PDB file of N, CA and C in Angstrom:
ATOM      1  N   MET A   1       0.838  -1.170   0.000  1.00  0.00           N
ATOM      2  CA  MET A   1       0.000   0.000   0.000  1.00  0.00           C
ATOM      3  C   MET A   1       0.891   1.244   0.000  1.00  0.00           C
ATOM      4  N   MET A   2       0.420   2.296  -0.606  1.00  0.00           N
ATOM      5  CA  MET A   2       1.202   3.521  -0.685  1.00  0.00           C
ATOM      6  C   MET A   2       1.324   4.179   0.677  1.00  0.00           C
ATOM      7  N   LEU A   3       2.522   4.685   0.977  1.00  0.00           N
ATOM      8  CA  LEU A   3       2.811   5.245   2.294  1.00  0.00           C
ATOM      9  C   LEU A   3       1.933   6.444   2.612  1.00  0.00           C
ATOM     10  N   TRP A   4       1.729   7.353   1.640  1.00  0.00           N
ATOM     11  CA  TRP A   4       0.991   8.580   1.945  1.00  0.00           C
ATOM     12  C   TRP A   4      -0.495   8.354   2.170  1.00  0.00           C
ATOM     13  N   LEU A   5      -1.013   7.199   1.846  1.00  0.00           N
ATOM     14  CA  LEU A   5      -2.424   6.930   2.117  1.00  0.00           C
ATOM     15  C   LEU A   5      -2.673   6.685   3.601  1.00  0.00           C
ATOM     16  N   ASN A   6      -1.641   6.308   4.338  1.00  0.00           N
ATOM     17  CA  ASN A   6      -1.784   6.047   5.767  1.00  0.00           C
ATOM     18  C   ASN A   6      -1.476   7.273   6.624  1.00  0.00           C
ATOM     19  N   MET A   7      -1.038   8.366   6.008  1.00  0.00           N
ATOM     20  CA  MET A   7      -0.687   9.568   6.760  1.00  0.00           C
ATOM     21  C   MET A   7      -1.938  10.391   7.058  1.00  0.00           C
ATOM     22  N   PRO A   8      -1.862  11.254   8.091  1.00  0.00           N
ATOM     23  CA  PRO A   8      -2.990  12.157   8.361  1.00  0.00           C
ATOM     24  C   PRO A   8      -3.244  13.083   7.172  1.00  0.00           C
ATOM     25  N   ARG A   9      -4.454  13.641   7.140  1.00  0.00           N
ATOM     26  CA  ARG A   9      -4.817  14.532   6.036  1.00  0.00           C
ATOM     27  C   ARG A   9      -3.845  15.692   5.937  1.00  0.00           C
ATOM     28  N   LEU A  10      -3.581  16.140   4.728  1.00  0.00           N
ATOM     29  CA  LEU A  10      -2.748  17.301   4.413  1.00  0.00           C
ATOM     30  C   LEU A  10      -1.275  17.132   4.780  1.00  0.00           C
ATOM     31  N   THR A  11      -0.818  15.920   5.097  1.00  0.00           N
ATOM     32  CA  THR A  11       0.585  15.716   5.437  1.00  0.00           C
ATOM     33  C   THR A  11       1.477  15.945   4.228  1.00  0.00           C
ATOM     34  N   VAL A  12       1.120  15.395   3.098  1.00  0.00           N
ATOM     35  CA  VAL A  12       1.918  15.582   1.888  1.00  0.00           C
ATOM     36  C   VAL A  12       1.933  17.063   1.502  1.00  0.00           C
ATOM     37  N   PHE A  13       0.792  17.719   1.600  1.00  0.00           N
ATOM     38  CA  PHE A  13       0.715  19.144   1.300  1.00  0.00           C
ATOM     39  C   PHE A  13       1.627  19.948   2.233  1.00  0.00           C
ATOM     40  N   THR A  14       1.669  19.578   3.504  1.00  0.00           N
ATOM     41  CA  THR A  14       2.528  20.265   4.471  1.00  0.00           C
ATOM     42  C   THR A  14       3.991  20.105   4.101  1.00  0.00           C
ATOM     43  N   PHE A  15       4.398  18.915   3.701  1.00  0.00           N
ATOM     44  CA  PHE A  15       5.785  18.697   3.282  1.00  0.00           C
ATOM     45  C   PHE A  15       6.129  19.548   2.060  1.00  0.00           C
ATOM     46  N   ILE A  16       5.209  19.625   1.110  1.00  0.00           N
ATOM     47  CA  ILE A  16       5.455  20.436  -0.087  1.00  0.00           C
ATOM     48  C   ILE A  16       5.586  21.905   0.277  1.00  0.00           C
ATOM     49  N   VAL A  17       4.715  22.398   1.160  1.00  0.00           N
ATOM     50  CA  VAL A  17       4.773  23.799   1.581  1.00  0.00           C
ATOM     51  C   VAL A  17       6.093  24.085   2.295  1.00  0.00           C
ATOM     52  N   LEU A  18       6.524  23.203   3.179  1.00  0.00           N
ATOM     53  CA  LEU A  18       7.790  23.409   3.885  1.00  0.00           C
ATOM     54  C   LEU A  18       8.978  23.386   2.919  1.00  0.00           C
ATOM     55  N   LEU A  19       8.938  22.513   1.944  1.00  0.00           N
ATOM     56  CA  LEU A  19       9.999  22.454   0.942  1.00  0.00           C
ATOM     57  C   LEU A  19      10.061  23.744   0.124  1.00  0.00           C
ATOM     58  N   LEU A  20       8.915  24.225  -0.332  1.00  0.00           N
ATOM     59  CA  LEU A  20       8.890  25.460  -1.114  1.00  0.00           C
ATOM     60  C   LEU A  20       9.270  26.676  -0.275  1.00  0.00           C
ATOM     61  N   THR A  21       8.877  26.692   1.001  1.00  0.00           N
ATOM     62  CA  THR A  21       9.273  27.786   1.882  1.00  0.00           C
ATOM     63  C   THR A  21      10.780  27.798   2.082  1.00  0.00           C
ATOM     64  N   GLY A  22      11.373  26.640   2.250  1.00  0.00           N
ATOM     65  CA  GLY A  22      12.836  26.550   2.351  1.00  0.00           C
ATOM     66  C   GLY A  22      13.519  27.010   1.077  1.00  0.00           C
ATOM     67  N   LEU A  23      12.928  26.683  -0.054  1.00  0.00           N
ATOM     68  CA  LEU A  23      13.480  27.124  -1.338  1.00  0.00           C
ATOM     69  C   LEU A  23      13.421  28.645  -1.470  1.00  0.00           C
ATOM     70  N   ILE A  24      12.321  29.237  -1.065  1.00  0.00           N
ATOM     71  CA  ILE A  24      12.210  30.705  -1.081  1.00  0.00           C
ATOM     72  C   ILE A  24      13.263  31.310  -0.149  1.00  0.00           C
ATOM     73  N   PHE A  25      13.445  30.700   1.027  1.00  0.00           N
ATOM     74  CA  PHE A  25      14.424  31.222   1.980  1.00  0.00           C
ATOM     75  C   PHE A  25      15.834  31.168   1.402  1.00  0.00           C
ATOM     76  N   LEU A  26      16.145  30.113   0.673  1.00  0.00           N
ATOM     77  CA  LEU A  26      17.488  29.992   0.086  1.00  0.00           C
ATOM     78  C   LEU A  26      17.696  30.940  -1.090  1.00  0.00           C
ATOM     79  N   LEU A  27      16.682  31.108  -1.927  1.00  0.00           N
ATOM     80  CA  LEU A  27      16.840  31.918  -3.134  1.00  0.00           C
ATOM     81  C   LEU A  27      16.639  33.408  -2.890  1.00  0.00           C
ATOM     82  N   ALA A  28      15.675  33.764  -2.039  1.00  0.00           N
ATOM     83  CA  ALA A  28      15.374  35.182  -1.810  1.00  0.00           C
ATOM     84  C   ALA A  28      14.862  35.360  -0.375  1.00  0.00           C
ATOM     85  N   PRO A  29      15.762  35.347   0.609  1.00  0.00           N
ATOM     86  CA  PRO A  29      15.311  35.410   2.007  1.00  0.00           C
ATOM     87  C   PRO A  29      14.548  36.687   2.360  1.00  0.00           C
ATOM     88  N   GLN A  30      14.778  37.757   1.633  1.00  0.00           N
ATOM     89  CA  GLN A  30      14.067  39.010   1.918  1.00  0.00           C
ATOM     90  C   GLN A  30      12.587  38.906   1.553  1.00  0.00           C
ATOM     91  N   GLN A  31      12.196  37.929   0.751  1.00  0.00           N
ATOM     92  CA  GLN A  31      10.804  37.758   0.340  1.00  0.00           C
ATOM     93  C   GLN A  31      10.008  36.857   1.279  1.00  0.00           C
ATOM     94  N   LEU A  32      10.673  36.220   2.221  1.00  0.00           N
ATOM     95  CA  LEU A  32       9.988  35.281   3.106  1.00  0.00           C
ATOM     96  C   LEU A  32       8.875  35.938   3.929  1.00  0.00           C
ATOM     97  N   PRO A  33       9.086  37.103   4.564  1.00  0.00           N
ATOM     98  CA  PRO A  33       7.966  37.724   5.306  1.00  0.00           C
ATOM     99  C   PRO A  33       6.780  38.080   4.416  1.00  0.00           C
ATOM    100  N   VAL A  34       7.048  38.518   3.203  1.00  0.00           N
ATOM    101  CA  VAL A  34       5.968  38.861   2.265  1.00  0.00           C
ATOM    102  C   VAL A  34       5.181  37.601   1.896  1.00  0.00           C
ATOM    103  N   THR A  35       5.895  36.519   1.644  1.00  0.00           N
ATOM    104  CA  THR A  35       5.255  35.259   1.274  1.00  0.00           C
ATOM    105  C   THR A  35       4.383  34.736   2.418  1.00  0.00           C
ATOM    106  N   ILE A  36       4.895  34.764   3.628  1.00  0.00           N
ATOM    107  CA  ILE A  36       4.132  34.284   4.779  1.00  0.00           C
ATOM    108  C   ILE A  36       2.891  35.147   4.993  1.00  0.00           C
ATOM    109  N   ASP A  37       3.035  36.451   4.831  1.00  0.00           N
ATOM    110  CA  ASP A  37       1.895  37.357   4.988  1.00  0.00           C
ATOM    111  C   ASP A  37       0.803  37.065   3.958  1.00  0.00           C
ATOM    112  N   LYS A  38       1.196  36.884   2.709  1.00  0.00           N
ATOM    113  CA  LYS A  38       0.207  36.604   1.655  1.00  0.00           C
ATOM    114  C   LYS A  38      -0.454  35.245   1.855  1.00  0.00           C
ATOM    115  N   LEU A  39       0.316  34.235   2.253  1.00  0.00           N
ATOM    116  CA  LEU A  39      -0.262  32.912   2.487  1.00  0.00           C
ATOM    117  C   LEU A  39      -1.236  32.941   3.666  1.00  0.00           C
ATOM    118  N   SER A  40      -0.917  33.726   4.687  1.00  0.00           N
ATOM    119  CA  SER A  40      -1.827  33.855   5.825  1.00  0.00           C
ATOM    120  C   SER A  40      -3.142  34.496   5.397  1.00  0.00           C
ATOM    121  N   LEU A  41      -3.057  35.517   4.567  1.00  0.00           N
ATOM    122  CA  LEU A  41      -4.263  36.181   4.083  1.00  0.00           C
ATOM    123  C   LEU A  41      -5.115  35.224   3.240  1.00  0.00           C
ATOM    124  N   VAL A  42      -4.475  34.457   2.381  1.00  0.00           N
ATOM    125  CA  VAL A  42      -5.204  33.502   1.539  1.00  0.00           C
ATOM    126  C   VAL A  42      -5.868  32.439   2.413  1.00  0.00           C
ATOM    127  N   ALA A  43      -5.164  31.934   3.427  1.00  0.00           N
ATOM    128  CA  ALA A  43      -5.746  30.923   4.313  1.00  0.00           C
ATOM    129  C   ALA A  43      -6.932  31.491   5.086  1.00  0.00           C
ATOM    130  N   TRP A  44      -6.800  32.721   5.566  1.00  0.00           N
ATOM    131  CA  TRP A  44      -7.874  33.361   6.312  1.00  0.00           C
ATOM    132  C   TRP A  44      -9.104  33.566   5.418  1.00  0.00           C
ATOM    133  N   LEU A  45      -8.884  34.062   4.200  1.00  0.00           N
ATOM    134  CA  LEU A  45     -10.003  34.258   3.270  1.00  0.00           C
ATOM    135  C   LEU A  45     -10.637  32.927   2.884  1.00  0.00           C
ATOM    136  N   GLY A  46      -9.821  31.915   2.659  1.00  0.00           N
ATOM    137  CA  GLY A  46     -10.347  30.596   2.323  1.00  0.00           C
ATOM    138  C   GLY A  46     -11.222  30.026   3.416  1.00  0.00           C
ATOM    139  N   TYR A  47     -10.822  30.226   4.649  1.00  0.00           N
ATOM    140  CA  TYR A  47     -11.625  29.760   5.779  1.00  0.00           C
ATOM    141  C   TYR A  47     -12.998  30.422   5.780  1.00  0.00           C
ATOM    142  N   TRP A  48     -13.020  31.747   5.626  1.00  0.00           N
ATOM    143  CA  TRP A  48     -14.297  32.456   5.690  1.00  0.00           C
ATOM    144  C   TRP A  48     -15.159  32.212   4.461  1.00  0.00           C
ATOM    145  N   ILE A  49     -14.565  32.024   3.319  1.00  0.00           N
ATOM    146  CA  ILE A  49     -15.345  31.668   2.126  1.00  0.00           C
ATOM    147  C   ILE A  49     -15.980  30.295   2.324  1.00  0.00           C
ATOM    148  N   ASP A  50     -15.214  29.356   2.903  1.00  0.00           N
ATOM    149  CA  ASP A  50     -15.743  28.026   3.169  1.00  0.00           C
ATOM    150  C   ASP A  50     -16.879  28.083   4.189  1.00  0.00           C
ATOM    151  N   ARG A  51     -16.718  28.893   5.233  1.00  0.00           N
ATOM    152  CA  ARG A  51     -17.766  29.029   6.245  1.00  0.00           C
ATOM    153  C   ARG A  51     -19.019  29.676   5.669  1.00  0.00           C
ATOM    154  N   ALA A  52     -18.857  30.640   4.778  1.00  0.00           N
ATOM    155  CA  ALA A  52     -20.010  31.310   4.181  1.00  0.00           C
ATOM    156  C   ALA A  52     -20.766  30.362   3.246  1.00  0.00           C
ATOM    157  N   GLY A  53     -20.058  29.440   2.621  1.00  0.00           N
ATOM    158  CA  GLY A  53     -20.698  28.500   1.701  1.00  0.00           C
ATOM    159  C   GLY A  53     -21.508  27.437   2.395  1.00  0.00           C
ATOM    160  N   ARG A  54     -21.171  27.159   3.663  1.00  0.00           N
ATOM    161  CA  ARG A  54     -21.864  26.122   4.420  1.00  0.00           C
ATOM    162  C   ARG A  54     -22.163  26.619   5.818  1.00  0.00           C
ATOM    163  N   PRO A  55     -23.030  27.588   5.988  1.00  0.00           N
ATOM    164  CA  PRO A  55     -23.276  28.133   7.326  1.00  0.00           C
ATOM    165  C   PRO A  55     -23.922  27.100   8.251  1.00  0.00           C
ATOM    166  N   GLY A  56     -23.322  26.940   9.424  1.00  0.00           N
ATOM    167  CA  GLY A  56     -23.889  26.065  10.429  1.00  0.00           C
ATOM    168  C   GLY A  56     -23.717  24.583  10.176  1.00  0.00           C
ATOM    169  N   ARG A  57     -23.084  24.216   9.112  1.00  0.00           N
ATOM    170  CA  ARG A  57     -22.932  22.796   8.779  1.00  0.00           C
ATOM    171  C   ARG A  57     -21.569  22.312   9.242  1.00  0.00           C
ATOM    172  N   ILE A  58     -21.565  21.303  10.069  1.00  0.00           N
ATOM    173  CA  ILE A  58     -20.318  20.692  10.529  1.00  0.00           C
ATOM    174  C   ILE A  58     -20.177  19.355   9.804  1.00  0.00           C
ATOM    175  N   VAL A  59     -19.079  19.191   9.099  1.00  0.00           N
ATOM    176  CA  VAL A  59     -18.856  17.981   8.325  1.00  0.00           C
ATOM    177  C   VAL A  59     -17.953  17.055   9.117  1.00  0.00           C
ATOM    178  N   PRO A  60     -18.397  15.830   9.412  1.00  0.00           N
ATOM    179  CA  PRO A  60     -17.525  14.877  10.130  1.00  0.00           C
ATOM    180  C   PRO A  60     -16.292  14.559   9.301  1.00  0.00           C
ATOM    181  N   ARG A  61     -15.202  14.273   9.971  1.00  0.00           N
ATOM    182  CA  ARG A  61     -13.946  13.986   9.283  1.00  0.00           C
ATOM    183  C   ARG A  61     -14.108  12.770   8.355  1.00  0.00           C
ATOM    184  N   GLY A  62     -13.650  12.924   7.141  1.00  0.00           N
ATOM    185  CA  GLY A  62     -13.743  11.852   6.160  1.00  0.00           C
ATOM    186  C   GLY A  62     -15.030  11.850   5.347  1.00  0.00           C
ATOM    187  N   HIS A  63     -15.941  12.789   5.610  1.00  0.00           N
ATOM    188  CA  HIS A  63     -17.206  12.828   4.884  1.00  0.00           C
ATOM    189  C   HIS A  63     -17.399  14.106   4.101  1.00  0.00           C
ATOM    190  N   ALA A  64     -16.303  14.802   3.797  1.00  0.00           N
ATOM    191  CA  ALA A  64     -16.414  16.080   3.087  1.00  0.00           C
ATOM    192  C   ALA A  64     -16.802  15.906   1.648  1.00  0.00           C
TER     193      ALA A  64
END
């Protein structure tokens, strides 16, 4: 069986994000605060867009 199928949700995505963040730090360290700020804004907006699309609905894990 494939290894990533047994990992918690978003584990592979987290590894990719950490790898790309390290790459940004190596290539252009002055851009790291800007990148983190923009990613935080996108995550915050994504959360509220998701909440607005499904008001009051709680989805059990694995049933999305």
